Amino acid sequence: MTSYVEPGGSWRTFSWVAGALVGFVVLDLVLPGGDLPPVLWVLAVAGVLGVVGLATLSARRIWTVRVDSDALSVGRERVRLSDVDIGHLRAVDSGVDAGAPVLGGGWSLPKGRTGLPLKLDDGRTVLVPTRNPAALYEALMVRLGQTPDTAPGAEGTLGA
């Protein structure tokens, strides 16, 4: 049973690009002048949608964050919940540990994501890339059998 899932990518970009391409095809048919041969339109639309679709699919596979009954996973990497230092997780309020590896791989956090630092029982710290650190924190605390305190990022910069 999965209690928390944060998709690594959205199909919204694919839909926008598909809509724009349909608009370009309609403009080509409606406006006077030399038309682009249909074979070129088919190749262009298939090529562009193929690239955008592959990028979206790979982002969803690599950066999807899941918390289930026994583990936290980002892409193919898994951390057993029993290996998470609960005391450190409770003390985390925001920010990232400089130099800590990103769970799921990569040199740095993906664009638009915040790193939730997790200290493991073996002393290592990893960053979990998330768009919603408060919801991930709450899901982790619930799965670890703890009552969630104020989640990281839930308060504003002035504590309100």
Protein backbone atom coordinates (compact mmCIF):
# COMPACT_ATOMS: atom_id res chain seq x y z
CA MET A 1 0.00 0.00 0.00
CA THR A 2 1.44 3.36 -1.05
CA SER A 3 0.61 6.23 1.26
CA TYR A 4 2.32 9.04 -0.67
CA VAL A 5 3.16 9.46 -4.35
CA GLU A 6 4.63 12.57 -5.93
CA PRO A 7 4.95 12.21 -9.71
CA GLY A 8 8.33 13.16 -11.12
CA GLY A 9 6.85 14.86 -14.17
CA SER A 10 3.58 16.00 -15.65
CA TRP A 11 1.94 15.29 -18.99
CA ARG A 12 0.83 18.94 -19.10
CA THR A 13 3.79 19.95 -21.28
CA PHE A 14 3.00 17.17 -23.74
CA SER A 15 -0.61 18.39 -23.99
CA TRP A 16 0.48 22.00 -24.56
CA VAL A 17 2.95 21.01 -27.27
CA ALA A 18 0.34 18.78 -28.96
CA GLY A 19 -2.17 21.66 -28.89
CA ALA A 20 0.36 24.08 -30.37
CA LEU A 21 1.21 21.64 -33.15
CA VAL A 22 -2.48 21.17 -33.99
CA GLY A 23 -2.77 24.97 -34.14
CA PHE A 24 0.18 25.19 -36.54
CA VAL A 25 -1.31 22.51 -38.80
CA VAL A 26 -4.67 24.34 -38.85
CA LEU A 27 -2.92 27.64 -39.65
CA ASP A 28 -1.02 25.95 -42.47
CA LEU A 29 -4.29 24.67 -43.94
CA VAL A 30 -6.24 27.93 -43.49
CA LEU A 31 -3.69 30.55 -44.52
CA PRO A 32 -2.96 31.07 -48.22
CA GLY A 33 0.45 30.35 -49.62
CA GLY A 34 2.67 27.34 -50.07
CA ASP A 35 1.55 24.46 -47.92
CA LEU A 36 3.96 22.12 -46.22
CA PRO A 37 3.58 18.57 -47.59
CA PRO A 38 1.54 16.32 -45.29
CA VAL A 39 4.42 13.85 -44.96
CA LEU A 40 6.62 16.56 -43.45
CA TRP A 41 3.85 17.57 -41.03
CA VAL A 42 3.47 13.95 -39.91
CA LEU A 43 7.23 13.58 -39.43
CA ALA A 44 7.52 16.88 -37.56
CA VAL A 45 4.55 16.21 -35.26
CA ALA A 46 5.67 12.63 -34.55
CA GLY A 47 9.26 13.72 -33.90
CA VAL A 48 8.40 16.61 -31.58
CA LEU A 49 5.74 14.67 -29.65
CA GLY A 50 8.08 11.68 -29.41
CA VAL A 51 10.86 13.76 -27.85
CA VAL A 52 8.51 15.52 -25.41
CA GLY A 53 6.80 12.23 -24.53
CA LEU A 54 10.12 10.48 -23.84
CA ALA A 55 11.31 13.40 -21.69
CA THR A 56 8.09 13.31 -19.65
CA LEU A 57 8.18 9.54 -19.26
CA SER A 58 11.80 9.53 -18.15
CA ALA A 59 11.18 12.34 -15.63
CA ARG A 60 8.27 10.36 -14.19
CA ARG A 61 10.41 7.22 -13.88
CA ILE A 62 13.50 8.91 -12.45
CA TRP A 63 12.04 11.50 -10.04
CA THR A 64 8.77 9.99 -8.75
CA VAL A 65 8.79 9.95 -4.93
CA ARG A 66 6.91 7.14 -3.17
CA VAL A 67 6.40 6.31 0.48
CA ASP A 68 4.95 2.87 1.05
CA SER A 69 4.66 0.58 4.06
CA ASP A 70 8.37 -0.20 4.38
CA ALA A 71 10.40 2.15 2.16
CA LEU A 72 10.88 5.56 0.60
CA SER A 73 11.82 5.42 -3.06
CA VAL A 74 12.89 8.00 -5.60
CA GLY A 75 13.10 6.41 -9.03
CA ARG A 76 14.99 3.15 -8.58
CA GLU A 77 16.67 4.04 -5.28
CA ARG A 78 15.01 2.84 -2.09
CA VAL A 79 15.65 3.64 1.55
CA ARG A 80 14.04 1.39 4.13
CA LEU A 81 12.02 3.40 6.62
CA SER A 82 13.65 1.44 9.42
CA ASP A 83 16.99 3.03 8.38
CA VAL A 84 15.72 6.63 8.83
CA ASP A 85 16.87 8.55 11.93
CA ILE A 86 13.54 9.71 13.39
CA GLY A 87 15.15 12.19 15.78
CA HIS A 88 16.91 14.00 12.94
CA LEU A 89 13.73 13.99 10.82
CA ARG A 90 11.82 15.61 13.69
CA ALA A 91 14.50 18.29 14.03
CA VAL A 92 14.51 19.17 10.32
CA ASP A 93 12.70 22.41 9.63
CA SER A 94 13.91 23.33 6.14
CA GLY A 95 16.97 23.70 3.99
CA VAL A 96 19.39 21.17 2.64
CA ASP A 97 22.65 19.65 3.83
CA ALA A 98 25.36 20.93 1.49
CA GLY A 99 27.17 18.08 -0.22
CA ALA A 100 24.63 15.39 0.61
CA PRO A 101 23.84 13.08 -2.32
CA VAL A 102 20.45 13.38 -3.99
CA LEU A 103 18.30 10.27 -3.61
CA GLY A 104 17.51 9.04 -7.11
CA GLY A 105 20.87 10.17 -8.49
CA GLY A 106 22.03 13.32 -10.18
CA TRP A 107 24.51 16.04 -9.22
CA SER A 108 21.95 18.45 -7.83
CA LEU A 109 18.27 18.78 -7.05
CA PRO A 110 16.00 18.87 -10.11
CA LYS A 111 14.58 22.25 -11.06
CA GLY A 112 11.57 23.23 -8.98
CA ARG A 113 12.26 20.81 -6.14
CA THR A 114 13.41 21.23 -2.56
CA GLY A 115 15.64 18.75 -0.78
CA LEU A 116 14.28 17.19 2.39
CA PRO A 117 17.37 15.94 4.26
CA LEU A 118 17.12 12.45 5.71
CA LYS A 119 19.80 11.17 8.05
CA LEU A 120 20.15 7.42 7.96
CA ASP A 121 21.13 5.14 10.85
CA ASP A 122 24.55 4.54 9.30
CA GLY A 123 25.35 8.29 9.56
CA ARG A 124 24.86 9.21 5.90
CA THR A 125 22.54 12.05 4.92
CA VAL A 126 20.60 12.00 1.64
CA LEU A 127 18.37 14.64 0.08
CA VAL A 128 14.90 13.64 -1.06
CA PRO A 129 13.87 15.85 -4.01
CA THR A 130 10.28 16.99 -3.45
CA ARG A 131 7.93 19.71 -4.59
CA ASN A 132 5.95 19.48 -1.37
CA PRO A 133 8.24 18.93 1.63
CA ALA A 134 5.40 19.39 4.15
CA ALA A 135 3.31 16.57 2.65
CA LEU A 136 6.33 14.27 2.32
CA TYR A 137 7.37 14.99 5.92
CA GLU A 138 3.86 14.18 7.14
CA ALA A 139 3.71 10.94 5.13
CA LEU A 140 7.10 9.86 6.47
CA MET A 141 6.15 10.63 10.06
CA VAL A 142 2.86 8.73 9.76
CA ARG A 143 4.60 5.71 8.19
CA LEU A 144 7.24 5.80 10.94
CA GLY A 145 4.48 5.68 13.56
CA GLN A 146 5.07 9.23 14.77
CA THR A 147 2.66 12.13 15.08
CA PRO A 148 3.66 14.87 12.67
CA ASP A 149 4.74 18.14 14.25
CA THR A 150 4.73 21.36 12.29
CA ALA A 151 5.89 20.28 8.87
CA PRO A 152 8.93 21.89 7.26
CA GLY A 153 7.98 24.83 5.12
CA ALA A 154 4.50 25.03 6.67
CA GLU A 155 5.26 28.38 8.30
CA GLY A 156 6.10 31.56 6.45
CA THR A 157 9.40 33.40 6.76
CA LEU A 158 8.06 35.41 9.72
CA GLY A 159 6.75 32.34 11.53
CA ALA A 160 3.12 33.07 10.64
